[in-house]
Amino acid sequence: MTLREAPAAGAIDPPPPASVRPHAAYLAWRMRRAAVVAAWSLFGSGCSLAPPAPADSTSLHLLDARPAVATTARRDYVLAVSPTRAAPGFDSAGMAYVDKEHALDRFATHRWADTPARMLGPLLTRTLEDAGSFRAVVSASSALPADLRLDTEIVLLRQNFLARPSRVEFTLRAQLIDGPGRRVLATRYIEAAREAPSDDAPGGVVAANAAVASALAQVAAFCVEEAAGMRARATSAQGVPGPAPR
């Protein structure tokens, strides 16, 4: 708020002439003058009477699941992980839910801290590293050459209130691609659903992390399985080698 200048002394009614002013009239004038000066001083002190701005009441939530995955000793391939994409309707930080058929809504005061796709990327990389089945897990934007590339897309992530207790439904599309040849080796739709401990947004966050943890473990198993199959094909093929380990 822009502070305005206090009125000049002449802006207040001047005192009556000394020759005609009674004592009571002079005292009343002084009281009016003091009241005006006090009001302007309060106004210029930073608008202390103005109500405070309302605080942001939106709660932010994280996807931070870290599943336990089986480890293997084979580390002969480099796997590149592409940024996760999201289907329309699930590409924002809004927390989606459904309580009637063919309609998608979002909670008003609860949101993801970032888009689920962006939060899923680091979780996916870490899970694949924990599996220990690859010599390295790198970003697809890295300059390092990779034997395999993993592309993922969030197809569905919502809390379903059509049945009680509500449940979070998560579907992820995973596609493994031959890095050197750029051929699609395998595609899999991974589905996971978990009941929410409470029929509200915080309960949905708990269920979402449980569903994501299950899906991440399935993605890791999918990649390990396809890499093992690629090794077997490369070994059995006569004169038709698969992607050479780097």
C-alpha atoms as a PDB file:
ATOM      1  CA  MET A   1       0.000   0.000   0.000  1.00  0.00           C
ATOM      2  CA  THR A   2       1.377   3.423  -0.927  1.00  0.00           C
ATOM      3  CA  LEU A   3       1.719   5.705   2.043  1.00  0.00           C
ATOM      4  CA  ARG A   4       0.062   9.042   1.630  1.00  0.00           C
ATOM      5  CA  GLU A   5       1.465  12.277   3.024  1.00  0.00           C
ATOM      6  CA  ALA A   6       0.069  13.548   6.296  1.00  0.00           C
ATOM      7  CA  PRO A   7      -2.020  16.720   5.942  1.00  0.00           C
ATOM      8  CA  ALA A   8      -0.259  19.984   6.357  1.00  0.00           C
ATOM      9  CA  ALA A   9      -0.994  22.022   9.413  1.00  0.00           C
ATOM     10  CA  GLY A  10      -3.197  24.347   7.366  1.00  0.00           C
ATOM     11  CA  ALA A  11      -5.398  21.442   6.230  1.00  0.00           C
ATOM     12  CA  ILE A  12      -6.907  21.258   9.737  1.00  0.00           C
ATOM     13  CA  ASP A  13      -9.490  23.833  10.751  1.00  0.00           C
ATOM     14  CA  PRO A  14      -7.518  26.835  12.016  1.00  0.00           C
ATOM     15  CA  PRO A  15      -7.934  27.808  15.648  1.00  0.00           C
ATOM     16  CA  PRO A  16     -10.335  30.617  16.431  1.00  0.00           C
ATOM     17  CA  PRO A  17      -8.697  34.047  16.928  1.00  0.00           C
ATOM     18  CA  ALA A  18      -7.364  34.502  20.393  1.00  0.00           C
ATOM     19  CA  SER A  19      -9.514  37.607  20.853  1.00  0.00           C
ATOM     20  CA  VAL A  20     -12.788  35.709  20.365  1.00  0.00           C
ATOM     21  CA  ARG A  21     -12.113  32.082  21.276  1.00  0.00           C
ATOM     22  CA  PRO A  22     -13.462  30.862  24.595  1.00  0.00           C
ATOM     23  CA  HIS A  23     -11.423  28.423  26.562  1.00  0.00           C
ATOM     24  CA  ALA A  24     -13.750  25.445  25.792  1.00  0.00           C
ATOM     25  CA  ALA A  25     -13.729  26.126  22.038  1.00  0.00           C
ATOM     26  CA  TYR A  26      -9.922  26.214  21.969  1.00  0.00           C
ATOM     27  CA  LEU A  27      -9.679  22.916  23.844  1.00  0.00           C
ATOM     28  CA  ALA A  28     -12.118  21.294  21.398  1.00  0.00           C
ATOM     29  CA  TRP A  29     -10.025  22.459  18.434  1.00  0.00           C
ATOM     30  CA  ARG A  30      -6.877  20.987  19.948  1.00  0.00           C
ATOM     31  CA  MET A  31      -8.602  17.646  20.518  1.00  0.00           C
ATOM     32  CA  ARG A  32      -9.776  17.528  16.885  1.00  0.00           C
ATOM     33  CA  ARG A  33      -6.271  18.355  15.660  1.00  0.00           C
ATOM     34  CA  ALA A  34      -4.690  15.635  17.850  1.00  0.00           C
ATOM     35  CA  ALA A  35      -7.211  13.055  16.575  1.00  0.00           C
ATOM     36  CA  VAL A  36      -6.446  13.848  12.921  1.00  0.00           C
ATOM     37  CA  VAL A  37      -2.672  13.672  13.453  1.00  0.00           C
ATOM     38  CA  ALA A  38      -2.997  10.356  15.332  1.00  0.00           C
ATOM     39  CA  ALA A  39      -5.126   8.871  12.553  1.00  0.00           C
ATOM     40  CA  TRP A  40      -2.603   9.795   9.878  1.00  0.00           C
ATOM     41  CA  SER A  41       0.258   8.419  11.994  1.00  0.00           C
ATOM     42  CA  LEU A  42      -1.537   5.088  12.312  1.00  0.00           C
ATOM     43  CA  PHE A  43      -2.261   4.996   8.578  1.00  0.00           C
ATOM     44  CA  GLY A  44       1.398   5.588   7.759  1.00  0.00           C
ATOM     45  CA  SER A  45       2.766   2.977  10.143  1.00  0.00           C
ATOM     46  CA  GLY A  46       2.550   0.169   7.621  1.00  0.00           C
ATOM     47  CA  CYS A  47      -1.210  -0.388   7.469  1.00  0.00           C
ATOM     48  CA  SER A  48      -1.181  -2.374  10.683  1.00  0.00           C
ATOM     49  CA  LEU A  49      -4.978  -2.560  10.708  1.00  0.00           C
ATOM     50  CA  ALA A  50      -5.164  -4.397   7.370  1.00  0.00           C
ATOM     51  CA  PRO A  51      -6.020  -8.115   7.695  1.00  0.00           C
ATOM     52  CA  PRO A  52      -3.140 -10.509   6.949  1.00  0.00           C
ATOM     53  CA  ALA A  53      -3.064 -12.215   3.563  1.00  0.00           C
ATOM     54  CA  PRO A  54      -4.607 -15.709   3.729  1.00  0.00           C
ATOM     55  CA  ALA A  55      -2.013 -18.478   3.946  1.00  0.00           C
ATOM     56  CA  ASP A  56      -1.794 -21.048   1.159  1.00  0.00           C
ATOM     57  CA  SER A  57      -3.749 -24.030   2.439  1.00  0.00           C
ATOM     58  CA  THR A  58      -2.725 -26.430  -0.343  1.00  0.00           C
ATOM     59  CA  SER A  59      -0.933 -29.590   0.829  1.00  0.00           C
ATOM     60  CA  LEU A  60       1.829 -30.991  -1.393  1.00  0.00           C
ATOM     61  CA  HIS A  61       2.554 -34.719  -1.564  1.00  0.00           C
ATOM     62  CA  LEU A  62       5.413 -36.867  -2.856  1.00  0.00           C
ATOM     63  CA  LEU A  63       5.806 -40.089  -4.737  1.00  0.00           C
ATOM     64  CA  ASP A  64       8.873 -41.530  -2.982  1.00  0.00           C
ATOM     65  CA  ALA A  65       8.400 -45.297  -3.069  1.00  0.00           C
ATOM     66  CA  ARG A  66      11.506 -47.482  -3.054  1.00  0.00           C
ATOM     67  CA  PRO A  67      10.669 -51.145  -3.593  1.00  0.00           C
ATOM     68  CA  ALA A  68      12.845 -54.088  -2.665  1.00  0.00           C
ATOM     69  CA  VAL A  69      14.006 -55.833  -5.834  1.00  0.00           C
ATOM     70  CA  ALA A  70      15.871 -59.048  -6.470  1.00  0.00           C
ATOM     71  CA  THR A  71      19.492 -58.544  -7.526  1.00  0.00           C
ATOM     72  CA  THR A  72      21.549 -60.476 -10.041  1.00  0.00           C
ATOM     73  CA  ALA A  73      25.248 -60.687 -10.758  1.00  0.00           C
ATOM     74  CA  ARG A  74      25.062 -60.068 -14.518  1.00  0.00           C
ATOM     75  CA  ARG A  75      26.154 -56.548 -15.404  1.00  0.00           C
ATOM     76  CA  ASP A  76      26.989 -56.635 -19.078  1.00  0.00           C
ATOM     77  CA  TYR A  77      24.541 -54.134 -20.593  1.00  0.00           C
ATOM     78  CA  VAL A  78      24.128 -50.375 -20.309  1.00  0.00           C
ATOM     79  CA  LEU A  79      20.501 -49.312 -19.922  1.00  0.00           C
ATOM     80  CA  ALA A  80      19.331 -45.802 -20.815  1.00  0.00           C
ATOM     81  CA  VAL A  81      16.148 -44.501 -19.170  1.00  0.00           C
ATOM     82  CA  SER A  82      14.043 -41.952 -21.057  1.00  0.00           C
ATOM     83  CA  PRO A  83      12.020 -39.285 -19.204  1.00  0.00           C
ATOM     84  CA  THR A  84       8.630 -40.679 -18.266  1.00  0.00           C
ATOM     85  CA  ARG A  85       5.687 -39.316 -20.223  1.00  0.00           C
ATOM     86  CA  ALA A  86       2.043 -39.134 -19.132  1.00  0.00           C
ATOM     87  CA  ALA A  87      -1.228 -39.592 -20.976  1.00  0.00           C
ATOM     88  CA  PRO A  88      -3.640 -36.633 -21.210  1.00  0.00           C
ATOM     89  CA  GLY A  89      -5.410 -36.058 -17.912  1.00  0.00           C
ATOM     90  CA  PHE A  90      -2.463 -37.328 -15.883  1.00  0.00           C
ATOM     91  CA  ASP A  91       0.230 -34.881 -17.028  1.00  0.00           C
ATOM     92  CA  SER A  92      -0.263 -32.259 -14.303  1.00  0.00           C
ATOM     93  CA  ALA A  93       0.436 -31.990 -10.571  1.00  0.00           C
ATOM     94  CA  GLY A  94      -3.273 -32.224  -9.780  1.00  0.00           C
ATOM     95  CA  MET A  95      -4.253 -35.312  -7.779  1.00  0.00           C
ATOM     96  CA  ALA A  96      -6.866 -37.071  -9.902  1.00  0.00           C
ATOM     97  CA  TYR A  97      -9.851 -38.984  -8.582  1.00  0.00           C
ATOM     98  CA  VAL A  98     -13.066 -40.433  -9.966  1.00  0.00           C
ATOM     99  CA  ASP A  99     -16.428 -40.666  -8.181  1.00  0.00           C
ATOM    100  CA  LYS A 100     -18.665 -41.063 -11.219  1.00  0.00           C
ATOM    101  CA  GLU A 101     -18.299 -42.901 -14.482  1.00  0.00           C
ATOM    102  CA  HIS A 102     -16.376 -41.256 -17.330  1.00  0.00           C
ATOM    103  CA  ALA A 103     -15.431 -38.189 -15.262  1.00  0.00           C
ATOM    104  CA  LEU A 104     -12.072 -37.164 -13.837  1.00  0.00           C
ATOM    105  CA  ASP A 105     -11.774 -34.612 -11.029  1.00  0.00           C
ATOM    106  CA  ARG A 106      -8.940 -33.217  -8.930  1.00  0.00           C
ATOM    107  CA  PHE A 107      -8.669 -32.429  -5.246  1.00  0.00           C
ATOM    108  CA  ALA A 108      -8.883 -28.707  -4.515  1.00  0.00           C
ATOM    109  CA  THR A 109      -6.436 -28.466  -1.588  1.00  0.00           C
ATOM    110  CA  HIS A 110      -4.115 -31.424  -2.249  1.00  0.00           C
ATOM    111  CA  ARG A 111      -1.571 -31.609  -5.070  1.00  0.00           C
ATOM    112  CA  TRP A 112       1.539 -33.541  -6.020  1.00  0.00           C
ATOM    113  CA  ALA A 113       4.768 -31.648  -5.375  1.00  0.00           C
ATOM    114  CA  ASP A 114       5.573 -32.123  -9.077  1.00  0.00           C
ATOM    115  CA  THR A 115       3.977 -33.991 -11.938  1.00  0.00           C
ATOM    116  CA  PRO A 116       3.878 -37.752 -11.262  1.00  0.00           C
ATOM    117  CA  ALA A 117       5.892 -38.347 -14.447  1.00  0.00           C
ATOM    118  CA  ARG A 118       8.772 -36.180 -13.218  1.00  0.00           C
ATOM    119  CA  MET A 119       8.736 -37.755  -9.772  1.00  0.00           C
ATOM    120  CA  LEU A 120       8.660 -41.258 -11.252  1.00  0.00           C
ATOM    121  CA  GLY A 121      11.823 -40.841 -13.349  1.00  0.00           C
ATOM    122  CA  PRO A 122      14.364 -40.795 -10.474  1.00  0.00           C
ATOM    123  CA  LEU A 123      12.482 -43.600  -8.698  1.00  0.00           C
ATOM    124  CA  LEU A 124      12.671 -45.743 -11.814  1.00  0.00           C
ATOM    125  CA  THR A 125      16.394 -45.137 -12.284  1.00  0.00           C
ATOM    126  CA  ARG A 126      17.136 -45.922  -8.647  1.00  0.00           C
ATOM    127  CA  THR A 127      15.084 -49.135  -8.747  1.00  0.00           C
ATOM    128  CA  LEU A 128      16.936 -50.354 -11.846  1.00  0.00           C
ATOM    129  CA  GLU A 129      20.265 -49.552 -10.189  1.00  0.00           C
ATOM    130  CA  ASP A 130      19.196 -51.473  -7.076  1.00  0.00           C
ATOM    131  CA  ALA A 131      18.468 -54.514  -9.255  1.00  0.00           C
ATOM    132  CA  GLY A 132      22.181 -54.679 -10.074  1.00  0.00           C
ATOM    133  CA  SER A 133      21.517 -56.333 -13.435  1.00  0.00           C
ATOM    134  CA  PHE A 134      23.100 -53.670 -15.619  1.00  0.00           C
ATOM    135  CA  ARG A 135      26.599 -52.374 -15.877  1.00  0.00           C
ATOM    136  CA  ALA A 136      25.208 -48.873 -15.783  1.00  0.00           C
ATOM    137  CA  VAL A 137      21.827 -47.141 -15.756  1.00  0.00           C
ATOM    138  CA  VAL A 138      22.050 -43.758 -17.452  1.00  0.00           C
ATOM    139  CA  SER A 139      19.789 -41.030 -18.723  1.00  0.00           C
ATOM    140  CA  ALA A 140      18.703 -41.303 -22.334  1.00  0.00           C
ATOM    141  CA  SER A 141      20.077 -37.795 -22.868  1.00  0.00           C
ATOM    142  CA  SER A 142      23.539 -38.942 -21.776  1.00  0.00           C
ATOM    143  CA  ALA A 143      26.310 -39.047 -24.357  1.00  0.00           C
ATOM    144  CA  LEU A 144      27.212 -42.550 -23.206  1.00  0.00           C
ATOM    145  CA  PRO A 145      26.253 -45.274 -25.722  1.00  0.00           C
ATOM    146  CA  ALA A 146      23.615 -47.674 -24.413  1.00  0.00           C
ATOM    147  CA  ASP A 147      22.670 -51.226 -25.358  1.00  0.00           C
ATOM    148  CA  LEU A 148      19.040 -50.836 -24.289  1.00  0.00           C
ATOM    149  CA  ARG A 149      16.624 -47.962 -23.809  1.00  0.00           C
ATOM    150  CA  LEU A 150      13.577 -47.963 -21.560  1.00  0.00           C
ATOM    151  CA  ASP A 151      10.619 -45.728 -22.454  1.00  0.00           C
ATOM    152  CA  THR A 152       7.742 -45.373 -19.984  1.00  0.00           C
ATOM    153  CA  GLU A 153       4.379 -43.610 -19.950  1.00  0.00           C
ATOM    154  CA  ILE A 154       1.873 -43.141 -17.140  1.00  0.00           C
ATOM    155  CA  VAL A 155      -1.425 -44.324 -18.605  1.00  0.00           C
ATOM    156  CA  LEU A 156      -3.489 -44.073 -15.413  1.00  0.00           C
ATOM    157  CA  LEU A 157      -3.023 -42.712 -11.892  1.00  0.00           C
ATOM    158  CA  ARG A 158      -6.214 -41.972  -9.983  1.00  0.00           C
ATOM    159  CA  GLN A 159      -8.049 -42.602  -6.744  1.00  0.00           C
ATOM    160  CA  ASN A 160     -11.279 -44.479  -7.423  1.00  0.00           C
ATOM    161  CA  PHE A 161     -14.219 -43.683  -5.102  1.00  0.00           C
ATOM    162  CA  LEU A 162     -16.753 -45.729  -7.072  1.00  0.00           C
ATOM    163  CA  ALA A 163     -16.224 -48.494  -4.526  1.00  0.00           C
ATOM    164  CA  ARG A 164     -15.425 -48.282  -0.831  1.00  0.00           C
ATOM    165  CA  PRO A 165     -12.832 -48.382   0.497  1.00  0.00           C
ATOM    166  CA  SER A 166     -11.399 -46.277  -2.290  1.00  0.00           C
ATOM    167  CA  ARG A 167      -8.378 -47.537  -4.193  1.00  0.00           C
ATOM    168  CA  VAL A 168      -5.588 -46.032  -6.240  1.00  0.00           C
ATOM    169  CA  GLU A 169      -5.172 -47.455  -9.738  1.00  0.00           C
ATOM    170  CA  PHE A 170      -1.854 -47.094 -11.525  1.00  0.00           C
ATOM    171  CA  THR A 171      -1.003 -48.250 -15.041  1.00  0.00           C
ATOM    172  CA  LEU A 172       2.427 -47.811 -16.612  1.00  0.00           C
ATOM    173  CA  ARG A 173       3.377 -48.630 -20.191  1.00  0.00           C
ATOM    174  CA  ALA A 174       6.974 -49.844 -20.480  1.00  0.00           C
ATOM    175  CA  GLN A 175       8.809 -50.377 -23.750  1.00  0.00           C
ATOM    176  CA  LEU A 176      12.320 -51.749 -24.115  1.00  0.00           C
ATOM    177  CA  ILE A 177      14.231 -50.748 -27.231  1.00  0.00           C
ATOM    178  CA  ASP A 178      17.437 -52.071 -28.759  1.00  0.00           C
ATOM    179  CA  GLY A 179      19.782 -49.100 -28.485  1.00  0.00           C
ATOM    180  CA  PRO A 180      21.998 -49.667 -31.523  1.00  0.00           C
ATOM    181  CA  GLY A 181      19.277 -50.989 -33.824  1.00  0.00           C
ATOM    182  CA  ARG A 182      16.424 -48.880 -32.428  1.00  0.00           C
ATOM    183  CA  ARG A 183      14.090 -51.869 -32.620  1.00  0.00           C
ATOM    184  CA  VAL A 184      11.267 -52.415 -30.147  1.00  0.00           C
ATOM    185  CA  LEU A 185      12.151 -55.570 -28.237  1.00  0.00           C
ATOM    186  CA  ALA A 186       9.158 -55.770 -25.910  1.00  0.00           C
ATOM    187  CA  THR A 187       6.217 -53.728 -24.620  1.00  0.00           C
ATOM    188  CA  ARG A 188       4.359 -54.354 -21.390  1.00  0.00           C
ATOM    189  CA  TYR A 189       1.467 -52.692 -19.567  1.00  0.00           C
ATOM    190  CA  ILE A 190       2.056 -52.873 -15.848  1.00  0.00           C
ATOM    191  CA  GLU A 191      -0.988 -52.446 -13.596  1.00  0.00           C
ATOM    192  CA  ALA A 192      -1.066 -52.039  -9.831  1.00  0.00           C
ATOM    193  CA  ALA A 193      -3.904 -51.108  -7.471  1.00  0.00           C
ATOM    194  CA  ARG A 194      -3.949 -50.590  -3.717  1.00  0.00           C
ATOM    195  CA  GLU A 195      -6.731 -49.818  -1.246  1.00  0.00           C
ATOM    196  CA  ALA A 196      -6.470 -46.461   0.500  1.00  0.00           C
ATOM    197  CA  PRO A 197      -6.299 -46.537   4.323  1.00  0.00           C
ATOM    198  CA  SER A 198      -8.730 -43.587   4.367  1.00  0.00           C
ATOM    199  CA  ASP A 199     -11.193 -42.254   1.821  1.00  0.00           C
ATOM    200  CA  ASP A 200      -9.472 -38.925   1.305  1.00  0.00           C
ATOM    201  CA  ALA A 201      -6.452 -37.442  -0.452  1.00  0.00           C
ATOM    202  CA  PRO A 202      -3.849 -38.367   2.232  1.00  0.00           C
ATOM    203  CA  GLY A 203      -5.108 -41.948   2.136  1.00  0.00           C
ATOM    204  CA  GLY A 204      -4.749 -41.843  -1.630  1.00  0.00           C
ATOM    205  CA  VAL A 205      -1.120 -40.753  -1.321  1.00  0.00           C
ATOM    206  CA  VAL A 206      -0.314 -43.798   0.827  1.00  0.00           C
ATOM    207  CA  ALA A 207      -2.049 -46.099  -1.651  1.00  0.00           C
ATOM    208  CA  ALA A 208      -0.398 -44.405  -4.630  1.00  0.00           C
ATOM    209  CA  ASN A 209       3.077 -44.961  -3.218  1.00  0.00           C
ATOM    210  CA  ALA A 210       2.267 -48.620  -2.552  1.00  0.00           C
ATOM    211  CA  ALA A 211       0.962 -49.070  -6.103  1.00  0.00           C
ATOM    212  CA  VAL A 212       3.978 -47.284  -7.594  1.00  0.00           C
ATOM    213  CA  ALA A 213       6.358 -49.447  -5.545  1.00  0.00           C
ATOM    214  CA  SER A 214       4.718 -52.578  -6.951  1.00  0.00           C
ATOM    215  CA  ALA A 215       4.889 -51.215 -10.507  1.00  0.00           C
ATOM    216  CA  LEU A 216       8.561 -50.241 -10.177  1.00  0.00           C
ATOM    217  CA  ALA A 217       9.466 -53.760  -9.052  1.00  0.00           C
ATOM    218  CA  GLN A 218       7.581 -55.150 -12.053  1.00  0.00           C
ATOM    219  CA  VAL A 219       9.401 -52.793 -14.439  1.00  0.00           C
ATOM    220  CA  ALA A 220      12.755 -53.898 -13.058  1.00  0.00           C
ATOM    221  CA  ALA A 221      11.783 -57.560 -13.481  1.00  0.00           C
ATOM    222  CA  PHE A 222      10.621 -56.835 -17.035  1.00  0.00           C
ATOM    223  CA  CYS A 223      13.941 -55.221 -17.976  1.00  0.00           C
ATOM    224  CA  VAL A 224      15.998 -57.980 -16.357  1.00  0.00           C
ATOM    225  CA  GLU A 225      13.910 -60.648 -18.097  1.00  0.00           C
ATOM    226  CA  GLU A 226      14.246 -59.029 -21.524  1.00  0.00           C
ATOM    227  CA  ALA A 227      17.982 -58.471 -21.067  1.00  0.00           C
ATOM    228  CA  ALA A 228      18.415 -62.143 -20.182  1.00  0.00           C
ATOM    229  CA  GLY A 229      16.454 -63.145 -23.269  1.00  0.00           C
ATOM    230  CA  MET A 230      18.608 -60.906 -25.409  1.00  0.00           C
ATOM    231  CA  ARG A 231      21.729 -62.593 -24.033  1.00  0.00           C
ATOM    232  CA  ALA A 232      20.292 -66.001 -24.797  1.00  0.00           C
ATOM    233  CA  ARG A 233      19.384 -65.042 -28.345  1.00  0.00           C
ATOM    234  CA  ALA A 234      22.803 -63.545 -28.947  1.00  0.00           C
ATOM    235  CA  THR A 235      24.458 -66.733 -27.658  1.00  0.00           C
ATOM    236  CA  SER A 236      22.324 -69.165 -29.645  1.00  0.00           C
ATOM    237  CA  ALA A 237      22.219 -67.205 -32.890  1.00  0.00           C
ATOM    238  CA  GLN A 238      24.832 -68.273 -35.392  1.00  0.00           C
ATOM    239  CA  GLY A 239      26.443 -65.297 -36.996  1.00  0.00           C
ATOM    240  CA  VAL A 240      23.618 -62.974 -35.968  1.00  0.00           C
ATOM    241  CA  PRO A 241      24.861 -61.361 -32.778  1.00  0.00           C
ATOM    242  CA  GLY A 242      22.629 -59.224 -30.625  1.00  0.00           C
ATOM    243  CA  PRO A 243      23.739 -55.884 -29.243  1.00  0.00           C
ATOM    244  CA  ALA A 244      27.341 -56.335 -28.143  1.00  0.00           C
ATOM    245  CA  PRO A 245      27.953 -55.580 -24.473  1.00  0.00           C
ATOM    246  CA  ARG A 246      29.914 -52.349 -24.094  1.00  0.00           C
END
